[in-house]
Amino acid sequence: MTNIELKQTPETLPDEWISRAKKLSTTLISDVMDTPVEMNYSIKPCNINSVLIGSAVTIDVNDGDNLAVHHAIYSSKPGHVLVVSANAHKKRAIIGELMVTAAEALHLNGFIIDGLIRDYHTLAHSTFPVFSQGAIPGGPTKNGPGVINSSIFCGDREVEPGDFIMGDADGVIVLPRHKVEEALTRAEKKAEYEQSRLEDIAKGNFRPKWLN
C-alpha cells in the first residue's frame, strides 16, 4: 500500500438506525441536537434527490491526491460512507465517474468530499449519493500520502471512523455513535409535531400555539 496508512475499518450502522433515519431528515436531527452537527454549507449533493446514511470511513488525503481514496473503496464494506478530507482543495477533482461506479458496484453508501469532483453531469443524474463543494475538469494525482480511518475534519466538522453520517438536499450532518439513539428518538418526536402543524395549517389554524 506504499505510503497509505490503513487503520481498523469501523463497524457499519445497525439496520434499525438506518430505517429510522430514512423517515427523517437532516433538518429534524439538527434541530434536536444540543451541539452543532452540520458540515459546512458548501458541501452539497450532486443530485438534489440524494439521501445518504451510513457509517463513516474517514480518509485524509494530500492536496489534490486520491490514492488513499482508491484504497478506501476496496477496503470498505456495504454500509460505509467514504468521508474525504481534501482540505477544500480547489485545483483538482478528488473523484469522478469511474470511482463512483466502482463504489456503487461494491454497495458502498456514498461519498462526502471536502473538495471538488468531476464528471458532474453524470453524477448529477446518478442515484449513488455524492456530496462535494463543486466540480472541476482537472484530475487528481495518485502519489499519496494518505491515512484511512483516523480522526479528520471535513466541512469544518470533526469526523471519527464509524460516526453516523447523513446527507440530503439541505446538506450533511455527523453524529458520534453514542448520540445516535437519543437523536433519532428526539427527531421522531419533532417529526410528529411538524406533521401535526401541517395538518393544523391545512385546517386553517395558521398561527402556532407557542406564538403569543
Protein backbone atom coordinates (compact mmCIF):
# COMPACT_ATOMS: atom_id res chain seq x y z
CA MET A 1 0.00 0.00 0.00
CA THR A 2 3.10 2.17 -0.25
CA ASN A 3 2.62 5.41 1.71
CA ILE A 4 -1.06 4.85 2.55
CA GLU A 5 -1.81 4.10 6.19
CA LEU A 6 -4.90 1.92 6.70
CA LYS A 7 -6.26 1.70 10.23
CA GLN A 8 -9.03 -0.55 11.56
CA THR A 9 -12.22 -0.46 9.49
CA PRO A 10 -15.21 0.70 11.57
CA GLU A 11 -18.48 -1.15 12.08
CA THR A 12 -21.44 -0.31 9.87
CA LEU A 13 -24.61 1.18 11.36
CA PRO A 14 -27.39 -1.03 12.75
CA ASP A 15 -30.18 -1.61 10.23
CA GLU A 16 -32.68 -0.17 12.73
CA TRP A 17 -30.90 3.20 12.79
CA ILE A 18 -30.82 3.36 9.00
CA SER A 19 -34.52 2.53 8.60
CA ARG A 20 -35.49 5.11 11.23
CA ALA A 21 -33.23 7.79 9.78
CA LYS A 22 -34.71 7.28 6.30
CA LYS A 23 -38.04 8.53 7.68
CA LEU A 24 -36.40 11.71 8.99
CA SER A 25 -34.21 14.49 7.57
CA THR A 26 -31.00 16.32 8.38
CA THR A 27 -33.04 19.33 9.49
CA LEU A 28 -35.07 17.34 12.02
CA ILE A 29 -31.98 15.77 13.54
CA SER A 30 -30.08 19.06 13.52
CA ASP A 31 -32.92 20.77 15.39
CA VAL A 32 -32.84 18.33 18.31
CA MET A 33 -29.08 18.36 18.89
CA ASP A 34 -27.54 20.35 21.73
CA THR A 35 -24.27 20.93 19.85
CA PRO A 36 -23.64 21.71 16.15
CA VAL A 37 -23.57 18.66 13.88
CA GLU A 38 -23.74 20.29 10.43
CA MET A 39 -20.90 20.27 7.93
CA ASN A 40 -20.13 23.49 6.07
CA TYR A 41 -22.98 24.64 3.82
CA SER A 42 -20.71 24.41 0.76
CA ILE A 43 -20.90 20.60 0.77
CA LYS A 44 -24.00 19.77 -1.26
CA PRO A 45 -25.36 16.76 -3.20
CA CYS A 46 -24.70 16.39 -6.92
CA ASN A 47 -28.23 15.04 -7.25
CA ILE A 48 -30.65 17.03 -5.09
CA ASN A 49 -32.75 13.90 -4.56
CA SER A 50 -29.85 12.03 -2.94
CA VAL A 51 -30.25 10.75 0.60
CA LEU A 52 -27.13 9.33 2.22
CA ILE A 53 -26.97 7.43 5.51
CA GLY A 54 -24.08 5.32 6.73
CA SER A 55 -21.03 4.72 8.87
CA ALA A 56 -18.02 6.95 8.20
CA VAL A 57 -14.84 5.61 6.67
CA THR A 58 -12.59 8.62 7.05
CA ILE A 59 -9.89 9.48 4.52
CA ASP A 60 -7.21 12.14 4.84
CA VAL A 61 -5.52 12.97 1.53
CA ASN A 62 -2.79 15.25 0.29
CA ASP A 63 -3.99 18.28 -1.67
CA GLY A 64 -5.40 17.11 -4.99
CA ASP A 65 -4.37 13.46 -4.48
CA ASN A 66 -6.73 10.48 -4.35
CA LEU A 67 -4.54 7.40 -3.89
CA ALA A 68 -5.93 6.83 -0.39
CA VAL A 69 -9.50 7.08 -1.71
CA HIS A 70 -8.83 4.25 -4.17
CA HIS A 71 -7.55 2.06 -1.34
CA ALA A 72 -10.50 3.01 0.87
CA ILE A 73 -13.04 1.95 -1.76
CA TYR A 74 -11.69 -1.59 -1.81
CA SER A 75 -11.16 -1.93 1.94
CA SER A 76 -14.66 -0.73 2.90
CA LYS A 77 -17.90 -2.67 3.28
CA PRO A 78 -21.52 -2.18 2.22
CA GLY A 79 -22.99 0.42 4.55
CA HIS A 80 -19.89 2.59 4.69
CA VAL A 81 -19.77 6.23 3.56
CA LEU A 82 -16.39 7.47 2.34
CA VAL A 83 -15.74 10.83 4.02
CA VAL A 84 -12.76 12.59 2.45
CA SER A 85 -10.83 15.46 3.99
CA ALA A 86 -9.43 17.08 0.85
CA ASN A 87 -8.68 20.36 2.63
CA ALA A 88 -11.18 22.17 0.36
CA HIS A 89 -8.58 21.92 -2.42
CA LYS A 90 -9.82 23.84 -5.45
CA LYS A 91 -7.39 22.91 -8.25
CA ARG A 92 -8.03 19.18 -8.78
CA ALA A 93 -11.00 16.83 -8.52
CA ILE A 94 -10.74 14.01 -5.99
CA ILE A 95 -13.19 11.54 -7.56
CA GLY A 96 -15.13 11.06 -10.79
CA GLU A 97 -17.42 8.65 -12.59
CA LEU A 98 -15.11 5.63 -12.59
CA MET A 99 -14.53 5.65 -8.84
CA VAL A 100 -18.19 6.29 -8.11
CA THR A 101 -19.20 3.41 -10.37
CA ALA A 102 -16.81 1.09 -8.53
CA ALA A 103 -18.10 2.21 -5.12
CA GLU A 104 -21.69 1.67 -6.21
CA ALA A 105 -20.89 -1.81 -7.54
CA LEU A 106 -19.39 -2.66 -4.15
CA HIS A 107 -22.60 -1.44 -2.43
CA LEU A 108 -20.98 1.38 -0.50
CA ASN A 109 -23.36 4.11 0.62
CA GLY A 110 -21.85 7.27 -0.83
CA PHE A 111 -19.12 9.91 -0.83
CA ILE A 112 -18.63 13.12 1.14
CA ILE A 113 -15.81 15.18 -0.40
CA ASP A 114 -14.50 18.31 1.30
CA GLY A 115 -13.23 19.44 -2.08
CA LEU A 116 -14.13 19.01 -5.73
CA ILE A 117 -15.25 16.23 -8.06
CA ARG A 118 -15.57 15.84 -11.84
CA ASP A 119 -17.94 14.16 -14.32
CA TYR A 120 -20.60 16.26 -12.63
CA HIS A 121 -23.25 15.82 -15.32
CA THR A 122 -23.12 12.04 -14.98
CA LEU A 123 -23.06 12.10 -11.17
CA ALA A 124 -25.91 14.63 -11.05
CA HIS A 125 -28.10 12.02 -12.75
CA SER A 126 -26.82 9.11 -10.69
CA THR A 127 -28.76 7.55 -7.83
CA PHE A 128 -25.49 7.00 -5.93
CA PRO A 129 -25.07 9.80 -3.36
CA VAL A 130 -22.09 12.09 -3.90
CA PHE A 131 -21.67 15.29 -1.89
CA SER A 132 -18.94 17.83 -2.63
CA GLN A 133 -18.11 21.53 -2.85
CA GLY A 134 -18.39 21.57 -6.65
CA ALA A 135 -16.67 20.36 -9.81
CA ILE A 136 -13.59 20.99 -11.94
CA PRO A 137 -12.27 19.15 -15.03
CA GLY A 138 -8.74 18.65 -13.70
CA GLY A 139 -7.98 15.18 -12.39
CA PRO A 140 -6.13 14.16 -9.21
CA THR A 141 -2.63 12.90 -8.66
CA LYS A 142 -2.15 9.36 -7.32
CA ASN A 143 1.01 9.67 -5.28
CA GLY A 144 -0.18 9.77 -1.67
CA PRO A 145 0.38 10.04 1.16
CA GLY A 146 -2.90 9.35 2.89
CA VAL A 147 -4.49 7.90 6.01
CA ILE A 148 -7.66 5.81 6.14
CA ASN A 149 -9.76 5.63 9.32
CA SER A 150 -8.24 8.27 11.55
CA SER A 151 -9.85 11.37 13.02
CA ILE A 152 -10.33 14.07 10.35
CA PHE A 153 -12.00 17.43 9.79
CA CYS A 154 -14.44 17.51 6.89
CA GLY A 155 -16.60 20.53 6.17
CA ASP A 156 -15.40 22.17 9.40
CA ARG A 157 -16.70 19.24 11.42
CA GLU A 158 -14.63 16.60 13.22
CA VAL A 159 -15.40 13.09 11.98
CA GLU A 160 -14.33 9.85 13.64
CA PRO A 161 -14.35 6.44 11.92
CA GLY A 162 -17.76 4.85 12.44
CA ASP A 163 -19.63 8.11 13.05
CA PHE A 164 -23.23 8.41 11.84
CA ILE A 165 -23.32 10.35 8.57
CA MET A 166 -26.50 11.66 6.94
CA GLY A 167 -26.86 13.86 3.89
CA ASP A 168 -29.81 15.18 1.90
CA ALA A 169 -30.75 18.27 -0.10
CA ASP A 170 -30.05 20.55 2.89
CA GLY A 171 -26.52 19.30 3.50
CA VAL A 172 -24.61 16.86 5.71
CA ILE A 173 -24.65 16.11 9.43
CA VAL A 174 -22.34 13.94 11.52
CA LEU A 175 -23.09 12.36 14.91
CA PRO A 176 -20.90 10.31 17.25
CA ARG A 177 -22.35 6.82 17.59
CA HIS A 178 -23.16 7.25 21.29
CA LYS A 179 -25.53 10.12 20.46
CA VAL A 180 -27.46 8.48 17.63
CA GLU A 181 -30.17 6.64 19.55
CA GLU A 182 -31.22 9.69 21.55
CA ALA A 183 -31.02 11.90 18.46
CA LEU A 184 -33.29 9.63 16.43
CA THR A 185 -35.83 9.39 19.27
CA ARG A 186 -35.98 13.15 19.71
CA ALA A 187 -36.15 13.75 15.95
CA GLU A 188 -39.03 11.30 15.63
CA LYS A 189 -40.99 13.28 18.22
CA LYS A 190 -40.25 16.50 16.38
CA ALA A 191 -41.41 14.92 13.13
CA GLU A 192 -44.74 14.12 14.81
CA TYR A 193 -45.06 17.74 15.93
CA GLU A 194 -44.31 19.09 12.46
CA GLN A 195 -46.84 16.74 10.88
CA SER A 196 -49.43 17.97 13.37
CA ARG A 197 -48.59 21.59 12.47
CA LEU A 198 -49.03 20.87 8.77
CA GLU A 199 -52.42 19.35 9.48
CA ASP A 200 -53.41 22.40 11.55
CA ILE A 201 -52.37 24.77 8.75
CA ALA A 202 -54.39 22.74 6.26
CA LYS A 203 -57.40 23.22 8.55
CA GLY A 204 -56.87 26.98 8.65
CA ASN A 205 -55.16 27.15 12.03
CA PHE A 206 -52.18 29.10 10.74
CA ARG A 207 -50.75 30.56 13.95
CA PRO A 208 -48.65 28.17 16.05
CA LYS A 209 -49.86 27.72 19.63
CA TRP A 210 -46.47 28.65 21.10
CA LEU A 211 -46.52 32.09 19.45
CA ASN A 212 -48.03 34.53 21.96
